Structure formats: C-alpha cells, structure tokens
Amino acid sequence: LTGYWSPVTQQPVKNREAIIKSWSQSRLPSLRMLAKALVTTAHKAHAMSSPYFGSLSGYTDVPVNWKAGDGYDYKFIQVGSGDGVHEISTDVVIVGSGCGGGVSAKNLAEAGHKVIVVDKGYYFPPSQLPMPQSAGAKYLYDHGGVTMTDNTSAGIASGGAWGGGGTVNWSVCFRLQDFVREEWAAKGLPLFRSSEFDDCQDRVWDFIGASKSGIRHNHRNQVLLNGSSKLGWKADAVEQNTASKEHYCGQCHLACGSAEKRGPAVAWLPAAGEAGAEFMEGFE
C-alpha cells in the first residue's frame, strides 16, 4: 500500500507525507478514508501531547485564579459484588444523564413518580475539574474525544461523563430555529409551531439562567460581531447558562470547576434528586 518494501515506520518524514497524500487522492475510497483517519488521529494526539502547544498559545489546563465551586452531594446506588440478582423497583428508568435525561428526571420526579437515572459515565465534582486535556478526553468524552462517522467524513464530540454533553459544552444555549420547528410541525408534531413550545423553552432558559447579560467576548468574537454589523448582516450573541455570571475561563470543554455553568449535573439532576430521584453511575 505504501509503494515501499520496508515498513512505513522506517521511512523518512518526506516519504511518509508523500504516502499519506497519495492515499488521500486515491481512487479507492478505503485508502482515502484511511488517510483521513490517520491525519485526524495525528492532529488529536499532537494537540493533547505537544509540549509547545501551551507555551505558544498561552493556554493552561487550570484557569487563572481558579477556585472550585460547590457541587451537589450525589448519593449513587451501590450494588454489592457477587453474581446474584440485584432487584430495584421503580416507575421510570432514564438512560443517560445528559440534557434530555436531566430535564425528564426533574419533571417526572417532581410529578411524584419514582425515578432512577442510569449512566455509563461517572460524576466528577468541581474540585476535580477542569481536567487536563489527556484526562478529559478519557473520562469526559466517548471514544477518547472523537466519534467518527462510518465514512470518516465527520468527527463528533460526545460527552461521556455524568451530565453528558451538558458537562462539556461551551455553556451556549441555542433556541430551536424557526425553520426546524416548522419542519417538525409539518411532519405531524404541531407542538413545535405553538406558543406552548415557546413557554417550554422559556421555562428551561429561566431554570438554567440562560441569558446574554454576563457575556464577555474575546477579540475574535467581537471582530465578527462588528464586521457583521458593518456589512448589514444579522449577528447576535448567543445565550449562556451561567445565571448572568461572566464565564470567561476557556475550559468549558473540560468540565466546569466553578459550578457556574448550569448543566444537567448542576441544575436538573440535583433538582430531581431533591424530588426523590435516584442515580446510578458507571452503569453499562
């Protein structure tokens, strides 16, 4: 496949580069996919392990003036060792502790149902966050940080810890766009075209403290906003779920150590717990 008899690891760098380039331009889809997978893996490994990345970019794993916030005191169900049957009685089992699971758990528990939330991931308190890049890829994300599509055309970041994607997102809260709501309503879901759905979104935004009042933009974002305004384009800040607190540390993707980002593990699941919901972590 390389055009050489000796292993690729024994080739000089210029030969390895030429091999990858030839694969990326091959008529065989499998070779193009292999080239893309290797390049993606190399980029990811380099960004996580390079000793120069931090010194050149100024990025640090721990935010400046970092101080851990207060986390919720979760009481996870513990199953004893052995091969016998462990029986649990409940009304509802919610699989996944992410944004959808958290909202569902709170609503169902407060409505009086007996609820258990299970997740394959584990809870990390604010005192253990944010994680370093290498640890975060292992413990906070599925598949080490990147889940590739079957044809390797796209890499998807998927949260793998307690709180799911809401633990590792950038505190940005997108309201469902009008054209998406229209499409779903046309497919037989009229709720999304109604004012009732607007009320639902408003209740969610109020509970997680999503607003624009605490946003502080970096230089690049401000240039985009200013440029869009000068060009007459529609551009605006997107709401953040930080309860109007200025959240500028830059480590949201490695989980929030200040507990200011009101994701599922900070907002929805504690409320569910106060209403009687139970939780299991590390549940495959």
C-alpha atoms as a PDB file:
ATOM      1  CA  LEU A   1       0.000   0.000   0.000  1.00  0.00           C
ATOM      2  CA  THR A   2       2.914   2.384   0.570  1.00  0.00           C
ATOM      3  CA  GLY A   3       4.953   1.518  -2.521  1.00  0.00           C
ATOM      4  CA  TYR A   4       7.967   0.503  -0.404  1.00  0.00           C
ATOM      5  CA  TRP A   5       9.218  -2.857   0.795  1.00  0.00           C
ATOM      6  CA  SER A   6      10.437  -1.501   4.140  1.00  0.00           C
ATOM      7  CA  PRO A   7       7.889  -0.641   6.880  1.00  0.00           C
ATOM      8  CA  VAL A   8       6.467   2.883   6.897  1.00  0.00           C
ATOM      9  CA  THR A   9       7.968   3.495  10.355  1.00  0.00           C
ATOM     10  CA  GLN A  10      11.433   3.216   8.762  1.00  0.00           C
ATOM     11  CA  GLN A  11      10.675   5.779   6.056  1.00  0.00           C
ATOM     12  CA  PRO A  12      11.887   9.384   6.347  1.00  0.00           C
ATOM     13  CA  VAL A  13       9.255  12.013   7.081  1.00  0.00           C
ATOM     14  CA  LYS A  14       9.064  13.249   3.486  1.00  0.00           C
ATOM     15  CA  ASN A  15       8.212   9.714   2.303  1.00  0.00           C
ATOM     16  CA  ARG A  16       5.537   9.266   4.967  1.00  0.00           C
ATOM     17  CA  GLU A  17       3.977  12.575   3.997  1.00  0.00           C
ATOM     18  CA  ALA A  18       4.007  11.583   0.314  1.00  0.00           C
ATOM     19  CA  ILE A  19       2.361   8.238   1.159  1.00  0.00           C
ATOM     20  CA  ILE A  20      -0.475   9.887   3.101  1.00  0.00           C
ATOM     21  CA  LYS A  21      -1.008  12.447   0.329  1.00  0.00           C
ATOM     22  CA  SER A  22      -1.162   9.712  -2.305  1.00  0.00           C
ATOM     23  CA  TRP A  23      -3.731   7.812  -0.234  1.00  0.00           C
ATOM     24  CA  SER A  24      -5.867  10.947   0.214  1.00  0.00           C
ATOM     25  CA  GLN A  25      -6.020  11.335  -3.582  1.00  0.00           C
ATOM     26  CA  SER A  26      -6.532   7.636  -4.346  1.00  0.00           C
ATOM     27  CA  ARG A  27      -9.402   6.362  -6.463  1.00  0.00           C
ATOM     28  CA  LEU A  28     -10.057   3.767  -3.746  1.00  0.00           C
ATOM     29  CA  PRO A  29     -12.460   5.109  -1.062  1.00  0.00           C
ATOM     30  CA  SER A  30     -10.920   2.849   1.590  1.00  0.00           C
ATOM     31  CA  LEU A  31      -7.496   4.440   1.126  1.00  0.00           C
ATOM     32  CA  ARG A  32      -8.946   7.963   1.260  1.00  0.00           C
ATOM     33  CA  MET A  33     -10.737   7.010   4.497  1.00  0.00           C
ATOM     34  CA  LEU A  34      -7.528   5.554   5.932  1.00  0.00           C
ATOM     35  CA  ALA A  35      -5.606   8.743   5.131  1.00  0.00           C
ATOM     36  CA  LYS A  36      -8.239  10.917   6.773  1.00  0.00           C
ATOM     37  CA  ALA A  37      -8.395   8.712   9.866  1.00  0.00           C
ATOM     38  CA  LEU A  38      -4.606   8.812  10.292  1.00  0.00           C
ATOM     39  CA  VAL A  39      -4.455  12.588   9.883  1.00  0.00           C
ATOM     40  CA  THR A  40      -7.327  13.109  12.358  1.00  0.00           C
ATOM     41  CA  THR A  41      -5.676  10.821  14.906  1.00  0.00           C
ATOM     42  CA  ALA A  42      -2.337  12.593  14.492  1.00  0.00           C
ATOM     43  CA  HIS A  43      -3.905  16.034  14.934  1.00  0.00           C
ATOM     44  CA  LYS A  44      -5.706  14.930  18.090  1.00  0.00           C
ATOM     45  CA  ALA A  45      -2.642  13.271  19.603  1.00  0.00           C
ATOM     46  CA  HIS A  46      -0.434  16.249  18.798  1.00  0.00           C
ATOM     47  CA  ALA A  47      -2.826  18.806  20.299  1.00  0.00           C
ATOM     48  CA  MET A  48      -3.074  16.788  23.516  1.00  0.00           C
ATOM     49  CA  SER A  49       0.599  15.900  23.972  1.00  0.00           C
ATOM     50  CA  SER A  50       2.693  18.631  22.335  1.00  0.00           C
ATOM     51  CA  PRO A  51       4.951  20.432  24.847  1.00  0.00           C
ATOM     52  CA  TYR A  52       4.810  23.543  22.641  1.00  0.00           C
ATOM     53  CA  PHE A  53       1.044  23.997  22.403  1.00  0.00           C
ATOM     54  CA  GLY A  54       0.638  25.595  25.813  1.00  0.00           C
ATOM     55  CA  SER A  55       3.687  27.848  25.564  1.00  0.00           C
ATOM     56  CA  LEU A  56       2.728  29.151  22.117  1.00  0.00           C
ATOM     57  CA  SER A  57      -0.982  29.625  22.768  1.00  0.00           C
ATOM     58  CA  GLY A  58      -0.886  30.708  26.406  1.00  0.00           C
ATOM     59  CA  TYR A  59      -3.438  28.007  27.226  1.00  0.00           C
ATOM     60  CA  THR A  60      -3.283  26.342  30.630  1.00  0.00           C
ATOM     61  CA  ASP A  61      -5.217  23.356  31.939  1.00  0.00           C
ATOM     62  CA  VAL A  62      -6.177  25.253  35.092  1.00  0.00           C
ATOM     63  CA  PRO A  63      -7.904  28.663  34.702  1.00  0.00           C
ATOM     64  CA  VAL A  64      -6.286  31.767  36.148  1.00  0.00           C
ATOM     65  CA  ASN A  65      -7.368  32.414  39.755  1.00  0.00           C
ATOM     66  CA  TRP A  66      -9.227  29.101  39.746  1.00  0.00           C
ATOM     67  CA  LYS A  67     -11.376  28.251  42.744  1.00  0.00           C
ATOM     68  CA  ALA A  68     -13.586  25.182  42.960  1.00  0.00           C
ATOM     69  CA  GLY A  69     -17.310  25.762  43.316  1.00  0.00           C
ATOM     70  CA  ASP A  70     -19.744  23.772  45.411  1.00  0.00           C
ATOM     71  CA  GLY A  71     -21.079  20.592  43.810  1.00  0.00           C
ATOM     72  CA  TYR A  72     -24.208  18.605  44.602  1.00  0.00           C
ATOM     73  CA  ASP A  73     -23.773  15.778  47.102  1.00  0.00           C
ATOM     74  CA  TYR A  74     -24.919  12.870  44.932  1.00  0.00           C
ATOM     75  CA  LYS A  75     -25.812   9.584  46.625  1.00  0.00           C
ATOM     76  CA  PHE A  76     -25.300   6.931  43.961  1.00  0.00           C
ATOM     77  CA  ILE A  77     -26.825   3.466  44.301  1.00  0.00           C
ATOM     78  CA  GLN A  78     -24.066   0.956  45.060  1.00  0.00           C
ATOM     79  CA  VAL A  79     -24.524  -2.672  44.045  1.00  0.00           C
ATOM     80  CA  GLY A  80     -22.607  -5.242  46.069  1.00  0.00           C
ATOM     81  CA  SER A  81     -20.291  -7.785  44.481  1.00  0.00           C
ATOM     82  CA  GLY A  82     -21.478 -11.245  43.535  1.00  0.00           C
ATOM     83  CA  ASP A  83     -23.350 -12.985  40.754  1.00  0.00           C
ATOM     84  CA  GLY A  84     -26.780 -12.943  42.358  1.00  0.00           C
ATOM     85  CA  VAL A  85     -29.753 -10.881  41.193  1.00  0.00           C
ATOM     86  CA  HIS A  86     -29.933  -7.300  42.461  1.00  0.00           C
ATOM     87  CA  GLU A  87     -33.525  -6.138  42.214  1.00  0.00           C
ATOM     88  CA  ILE A  88     -34.584  -2.485  42.070  1.00  0.00           C
ATOM     89  CA  SER A  89     -38.197  -1.325  41.931  1.00  0.00           C
ATOM     90  CA  THR A  90     -39.046   1.915  40.154  1.00  0.00           C
ATOM     91  CA  ASP A  91     -41.628   3.573  37.916  1.00  0.00           C
ATOM     92  CA  VAL A  92     -39.226   5.045  35.365  1.00  0.00           C
ATOM     93  CA  VAL A  93     -35.662   4.301  34.280  1.00  0.00           C
ATOM     94  CA  ILE A  94     -33.974   7.171  32.436  1.00  0.00           C
ATOM     95  CA  VAL A  95     -30.971   6.029  30.408  1.00  0.00           C
ATOM     96  CA  GLY A  96     -28.465   8.870  30.161  1.00  0.00           C
ATOM     97  CA  SER A  97     -27.884  11.850  32.449  1.00  0.00           C
ATOM     98  CA  GLY A  98     -27.485  14.475  29.719  1.00  0.00           C
ATOM     99  CA  CYS A  99     -29.700  17.405  28.838  1.00  0.00           C
ATOM    100  CA  GLY A 100     -32.738  15.327  27.856  1.00  0.00           C
ATOM    101  CA  GLY A 101     -32.349  12.887  30.723  1.00  0.00           C
ATOM    102  CA  GLY A 102     -31.863  15.629  33.298  1.00  0.00           C
ATOM    103  CA  VAL A 103     -34.975  17.562  32.297  1.00  0.00           C
ATOM    104  CA  SER A 104     -37.038  14.364  32.185  1.00  0.00           C
ATOM    105  CA  ALA A 105     -35.797  13.245  35.598  1.00  0.00           C
ATOM    106  CA  LYS A 106     -36.711  16.544  37.264  1.00  0.00           C
ATOM    107  CA  ASN A 107     -40.166  16.756  35.717  1.00  0.00           C
ATOM    108  CA  LEU A 108     -41.107  13.121  36.398  1.00  0.00           C
ATOM    109  CA  ALA A 109     -39.724  13.094  39.954  1.00  0.00           C
ATOM    110  CA  GLU A 110     -41.492  16.339  40.845  1.00  0.00           C
ATOM    111  CA  ALA A 111     -44.699  14.865  39.403  1.00  0.00           C
ATOM    112  CA  GLY A 112     -44.483  12.122  42.035  1.00  0.00           C
ATOM    113  CA  HIS A 113     -43.023   9.249  40.013  1.00  0.00           C
ATOM    114  CA  LYS A 114     -40.248   7.019  41.348  1.00  0.00           C
ATOM    115  CA  VAL A 115     -37.304   7.701  39.024  1.00  0.00           C
ATOM    116  CA  ILE A 116     -33.847   6.181  38.546  1.00  0.00           C
ATOM    117  CA  VAL A 117     -31.282   7.815  36.242  1.00  0.00           C
ATOM    118  CA  VAL A 118     -28.526   5.499  34.995  1.00  0.00           C
ATOM    119  CA  ASP A 119     -25.427   6.487  33.025  1.00  0.00           C
ATOM    120  CA  LYS A 120     -22.327   4.627  31.859  1.00  0.00           C
ATOM    121  CA  GLY A 121     -20.225   7.659  32.822  1.00  0.00           C
ATOM    122  CA  TYR A 122     -19.084   8.837  36.233  1.00  0.00           C
ATOM    123  CA  TYR A 123     -19.612  12.005  38.241  1.00  0.00           C
ATOM    124  CA  PHE A 124     -16.636  14.275  38.879  1.00  0.00           C
ATOM    125  CA  PRO A 125     -17.127  17.034  41.493  1.00  0.00           C
ATOM    126  CA  PRO A 126     -15.987  20.611  40.766  1.00  0.00           C
ATOM    127  CA  SER A 127     -12.857  20.064  42.875  1.00  0.00           C
ATOM    128  CA  GLN A 128     -11.620  17.631  40.180  1.00  0.00           C
ATOM    129  CA  LEU A 129     -12.429  19.983  37.288  1.00  0.00           C
ATOM    130  CA  PRO A 130     -11.477  21.178  34.795  1.00  0.00           C
ATOM    131  CA  MET A 131      -9.420  18.160  33.786  1.00  0.00           C
ATOM    132  CA  PRO A 132      -6.187  18.237  31.811  1.00  0.00           C
ATOM    133  CA  GLN A 133      -6.656  17.600  28.092  1.00  0.00           C
ATOM    134  CA  SER A 134      -5.474  13.972  28.159  1.00  0.00           C
ATOM    135  CA  ALA A 135      -7.572  13.015  31.193  1.00  0.00           C
ATOM    136  CA  GLY A 136     -10.624  14.881  29.891  1.00  0.00           C
ATOM    137  CA  ALA A 137     -10.532  13.009  26.589  1.00  0.00           C
ATOM    138  CA  LYS A 138     -10.581   9.728  28.504  1.00  0.00           C
ATOM    139  CA  TYR A 139     -13.086  10.441  31.269  1.00  0.00           C
ATOM    140  CA  LEU A 140     -15.359  13.199  29.944  1.00  0.00           C
ATOM    141  CA  TYR A 141     -15.923  12.076  26.347  1.00  0.00           C
ATOM    142  CA  ASP A 142     -16.911   8.956  24.456  1.00  0.00           C
ATOM    143  CA  HIS A 143     -14.202   7.214  22.421  1.00  0.00           C
ATOM    144  CA  GLY A 144     -11.370   9.384  23.694  1.00  0.00           C
ATOM    145  CA  GLY A 145     -12.887  12.636  22.449  1.00  0.00           C
ATOM    146  CA  VAL A 146     -13.838  11.955  18.825  1.00  0.00           C
ATOM    147  CA  THR A 147     -16.503   9.614  17.483  1.00  0.00           C
ATOM    148  CA  MET A 148     -16.051   9.217  13.734  1.00  0.00           C
ATOM    149  CA  THR A 149     -18.940   8.655  11.353  1.00  0.00           C
ATOM    150  CA  ASP A 150     -18.917   5.373   9.417  1.00  0.00           C
ATOM    151  CA  ASN A 151     -17.401   7.007   6.344  1.00  0.00           C
ATOM    152  CA  THR A 152     -14.991   9.124   8.463  1.00  0.00           C
ATOM    153  CA  SER A 153     -16.367  12.288   6.857  1.00  0.00           C
ATOM    154  CA  ALA A 154     -17.024  13.916  10.231  1.00  0.00           C
ATOM    155  CA  GLY A 155     -15.852  13.656  13.819  1.00  0.00           C
ATOM    156  CA  ILE A 156     -18.462  14.076  16.563  1.00  0.00           C
ATOM    157  CA  ALA A 157     -17.680  15.165  20.116  1.00  0.00           C
ATOM    158  CA  SER A 158     -19.942  13.251  22.508  1.00  0.00           C
ATOM    159  CA  GLY A 159     -19.998  13.728  26.269  1.00  0.00           C
ATOM    160  CA  GLY A 160     -19.312  10.556  28.237  1.00  0.00           C
ATOM    161  CA  ALA A 161     -19.374  11.649  31.901  1.00  0.00           C
ATOM    162  CA  TRP A 162     -22.210  12.327  34.339  1.00  0.00           C
ATOM    163  CA  GLY A 163     -24.243  15.157  32.837  1.00  0.00           C
ATOM    164  CA  GLY A 164     -23.474  14.082  29.261  1.00  0.00           C
ATOM    165  CA  GLY A 165     -22.988  16.780  26.656  1.00  0.00           C
ATOM    166  CA  GLY A 166     -24.137  19.416  29.139  1.00  0.00           C
ATOM    167  CA  THR A 167     -20.960  18.802  31.156  1.00  0.00           C
ATOM    168  CA  VAL A 168     -18.593  19.544  28.270  1.00  0.00           C
ATOM    169  CA  ASN A 169     -20.454  22.071  26.093  1.00  0.00           C
ATOM    170  CA  TRP A 170     -19.459  25.729  25.947  1.00  0.00           C
ATOM    171  CA  SER A 171     -22.411  26.932  28.084  1.00  0.00           C
ATOM    172  CA  VAL A 172     -24.067  28.099  24.847  1.00  0.00           C
ATOM    173  CA  CYS A 173     -27.839  27.641  24.668  1.00  0.00           C
ATOM    174  CA  PHE A 174     -29.421  27.567  21.205  1.00  0.00           C
ATOM    175  CA  ARG A 175     -33.149  28.018  20.862  1.00  0.00           C
ATOM    176  CA  LEU A 176     -34.664  25.730  18.262  1.00  0.00           C
ATOM    177  CA  GLN A 177     -34.641  27.603  14.951  1.00  0.00           C
ATOM    178  CA  ASP A 178     -37.955  28.540  13.336  1.00  0.00           C
ATOM    179  CA  PHE A 179     -37.362  26.575  10.140  1.00  0.00           C
ATOM    180  CA  VAL A 180     -36.641  23.424  12.176  1.00  0.00           C
ATOM    181  CA  ARG A 181     -39.804  23.930  14.202  1.00  0.00           C
ATOM    182  CA  GLU A 182     -41.805  24.332  11.002  1.00  0.00           C
ATOM    183  CA  GLU A 183     -40.291  21.170   9.538  1.00  0.00           C
ATOM    184  CA  TRP A 184     -41.095  19.107  12.625  1.00  0.00           C
ATOM    185  CA  ALA A 185     -44.623  20.512  12.828  1.00  0.00           C
ATOM    186  CA  ALA A 186     -45.184  19.635   9.172  1.00  0.00           C
ATOM    187  CA  LYS A 187     -44.148  16.056   9.962  1.00  0.00           C
ATOM    188  CA  GLY A 188     -47.026  15.736  12.440  1.00  0.00           C
ATOM    189  CA  LEU A 189     -45.744  17.385  15.633  1.00  0.00           C
ATOM    190  CA  PRO A 190     -47.871  20.544  15.966  1.00  0.00           C
ATOM    191  CA  LEU A 191     -46.461  21.355  19.430  1.00  0.00           C
ATOM    192  CA  PHE A 192     -43.371  22.890  17.828  1.00  0.00           C
ATOM    193  CA  ARG A 193     -45.433  25.510  15.997  1.00  0.00           C
ATOM    194  CA  SER A 194     -47.358  26.543  19.115  1.00  0.00           C
ATOM    195  CA  SER A 195     -46.883  29.186  21.785  1.00  0.00           C
ATOM    196  CA  GLU A 196     -46.879  26.314  24.288  1.00  0.00           C
ATOM    197  CA  PHE A 197     -43.466  25.277  22.976  1.00  0.00           C
ATOM    198  CA  ASP A 198     -42.227  28.867  23.422  1.00  0.00           C
ATOM    199  CA  ASP A 199     -43.370  28.650  27.038  1.00  0.00           C
ATOM    200  CA  CYS A 200     -41.498  25.353  27.445  1.00  0.00           C
ATOM    201  CA  GLN A 201     -38.278  26.885  26.154  1.00  0.00           C
ATOM    202  CA  ASP A 202     -38.707  29.928  28.381  1.00  0.00           C
ATOM    203  CA  ARG A 203     -39.108  27.721  31.462  1.00  0.00           C
ATOM    204  CA  VAL A 204     -35.920  25.840  30.591  1.00  0.00           C
ATOM    205  CA  TRP A 205     -33.992  29.073  29.968  1.00  0.00           C
ATOM    206  CA  ASP A 206     -35.219  30.539  33.282  1.00  0.00           C
ATOM    207  CA  PHE A 207     -34.256  27.449  35.278  1.00  0.00           C
ATOM    208  CA  ILE A 208     -30.704  27.241  33.903  1.00  0.00           C
ATOM    209  CA  GLY A 209     -30.185  31.015  33.993  1.00  0.00           C
ATOM    210  CA  ALA A 210     -29.564  31.320  30.252  1.00  0.00           C
ATOM    211  CA  SER A 211     -29.111  34.942  29.173  1.00  0.00           C
ATOM    212  CA  LYS A 212     -26.790  37.348  27.370  1.00  0.00           C
ATOM    213  CA  SER A 213     -26.166  39.628  30.341  1.00  0.00           C
ATOM    214  CA  GLY A 214     -22.920  38.018  31.563  1.00  0.00           C
ATOM    215  CA  ILE A 215     -21.204  37.502  28.215  1.00  0.00           C
ATOM    216  CA  ARG A 216     -17.693  38.819  27.687  1.00  0.00           C
ATOM    217  CA  HIS A 217     -16.411  38.314  24.149  1.00  0.00           C
ATOM    218  CA  ASN A 218     -12.823  37.748  23.196  1.00  0.00           C
ATOM    219  CA  HIS A 219     -11.246  39.844  20.437  1.00  0.00           C
ATOM    220  CA  ARG A 220     -12.034  37.382  17.644  1.00  0.00           C
ATOM    221  CA  ASN A 221     -15.741  37.157  18.510  1.00  0.00           C
ATOM    222  CA  GLN A 222     -16.012  40.927  18.817  1.00  0.00           C
ATOM    223  CA  VAL A 223     -14.445  41.369  15.369  1.00  0.00           C
ATOM    224  CA  LEU A 224     -17.061  39.005  13.913  1.00  0.00           C
ATOM    225  CA  LEU A 225     -19.907  40.929  15.552  1.00  0.00           C
ATOM    226  CA  ASN A 226     -18.538  44.325  14.497  1.00  0.00           C
ATOM    227  CA  GLY A 227     -17.848  43.157  10.954  1.00  0.00           C
ATOM    228  CA  SER A 228     -21.311  41.663  10.575  1.00  0.00           C
ATOM    229  CA  SER A 229     -22.875  44.912  11.764  1.00  0.00           C
ATOM    230  CA  LYS A 230     -20.878  46.952   9.230  1.00  0.00           C
ATOM    231  CA  LEU A 231     -21.903  44.587   6.431  1.00  0.00           C
ATOM    232  CA  GLY A 232     -25.550  44.767   7.436  1.00  0.00           C
ATOM    233  CA  TRP A 233     -25.683  41.082   8.337  1.00  0.00           C
ATOM    234  CA  LYS A 234     -27.768  39.729  11.203  1.00  0.00           C
ATOM    235  CA  ALA A 235     -25.491  38.682  14.065  1.00  0.00           C
ATOM    236  CA  ASP A 236     -26.015  38.461  17.783  1.00  0.00           C
ATOM    237  CA  ALA A 237     -24.606  36.907  20.931  1.00  0.00           C
ATOM    238  CA  VAL A 238     -25.974  33.523  21.991  1.00  0.00           C
ATOM    239  CA  GLU A 239     -27.311  32.989  25.484  1.00  0.00           C
ATOM    240  CA  GLN A 240     -25.193  31.205  28.105  1.00  0.00           C
ATOM    241  CA  ASN A 241     -26.468  29.137  31.047  1.00  0.00           C
ATOM    242  CA  THR A 242     -24.300  30.868  33.640  1.00  0.00           C
ATOM    243  CA  ALA A 243     -27.001  32.767  35.573  1.00  0.00           C
ATOM    244  CA  SER A 244     -25.635  36.127  34.313  1.00  0.00           C
ATOM    245  CA  LYS A 245     -22.144  35.431  35.660  1.00  0.00           C
ATOM    246  CA  GLU A 246     -19.190  36.336  33.445  1.00  0.00           C
ATOM    247  CA  HIS A 247     -17.854  32.948  32.440  1.00  0.00           C
ATOM    248  CA  TYR A 248     -14.572  33.546  30.626  1.00  0.00           C
ATOM    249  CA  CYS A 249     -12.145  30.833  31.765  1.00  0.00           C
ATOM    250  CA  GLY A 250     -11.992  28.969  28.435  1.00  0.00           C
ATOM    251  CA  GLN A 251     -12.063  25.432  29.882  1.00  0.00           C
ATOM    252  CA  CYS A 252     -15.762  24.594  29.481  1.00  0.00           C
ATOM    253  CA  HIS A 253     -14.959  21.634  27.248  1.00  0.00           C
ATOM    254  CA  LEU A 254     -13.061  20.026  30.139  1.00  0.00           C
ATOM    255  CA  ALA A 255     -15.984  20.477  32.564  1.00  0.00           C
ATOM    256  CA  CYS A 256     -16.699  23.421  34.838  1.00  0.00           C
ATOM    257  CA  GLY A 257     -14.765  23.599  38.087  1.00  0.00           C
ATOM    258  CA  SER A 258     -16.598  26.718  39.254  1.00  0.00           C
ATOM    259  CA  ALA A 259     -20.053  25.051  39.017  1.00  0.00           C
ATOM    260  CA  GLU A 260     -21.296  28.272  37.372  1.00  0.00           C
ATOM    261  CA  LYS A 261     -22.337  26.519  34.173  1.00  0.00           C
ATOM    262  CA  ARG A 262     -25.807  25.231  34.973  1.00  0.00           C
ATOM    263  CA  GLY A 263     -25.721  21.988  33.035  1.00  0.00           C
ATOM    264  CA  PRO A 264     -27.606  18.803  33.996  1.00  0.00           C
ATOM    265  CA  ALA A 265     -25.182  17.817  36.775  1.00  0.00           C
ATOM    266  CA  VAL A 266     -25.517  21.269  38.390  1.00  0.00           C
ATOM    267  CA  ALA A 267     -29.169  22.154  37.778  1.00  0.00           C
ATOM    268  CA  TRP A 268     -31.575  19.467  36.567  1.00  0.00           C
ATOM    269  CA  LEU A 269     -30.258  16.349  38.278  1.00  0.00           C
ATOM    270  CA  PRO A 270     -29.833  17.918  41.740  1.00  0.00           C
ATOM    271  CA  ALA A 271     -33.426  19.180  41.478  1.00  0.00           C
ATOM    272  CA  ALA A 272     -34.503  15.672  40.523  1.00  0.00           C
ATOM    273  CA  GLY A 273     -32.578  14.304  43.496  1.00  0.00           C
ATOM    274  CA  GLU A 274     -34.294  16.714  45.863  1.00  0.00           C
ATOM    275  CA  ALA A 275     -37.611  15.423  44.485  1.00  0.00           C
ATOM    276  CA  GLY A 276     -36.637  11.834  45.270  1.00  0.00           C
ATOM    277  CA  ALA A 277     -34.922  10.606  42.092  1.00  0.00           C
ATOM    278  CA  GLU A 278     -32.158   8.036  42.486  1.00  0.00           C
ATOM    279  CA  PHE A 279     -28.938   7.739  40.480  1.00  0.00           C
ATOM    280  CA  MET A 280     -26.525   5.071  39.256  1.00  0.00           C
ATOM    281  CA  GLU A 281     -23.175   5.888  37.650  1.00  0.00           C
ATOM    282  CA  GLY A 282     -20.876   3.506  35.789  1.00  0.00           C
ATOM    283  CA  PHE A 283     -23.907   1.517  34.604  1.00  0.00           C
ATOM    284  CA  GLU A 284     -23.116  -0.157  31.264  1.00  0.00           C
END
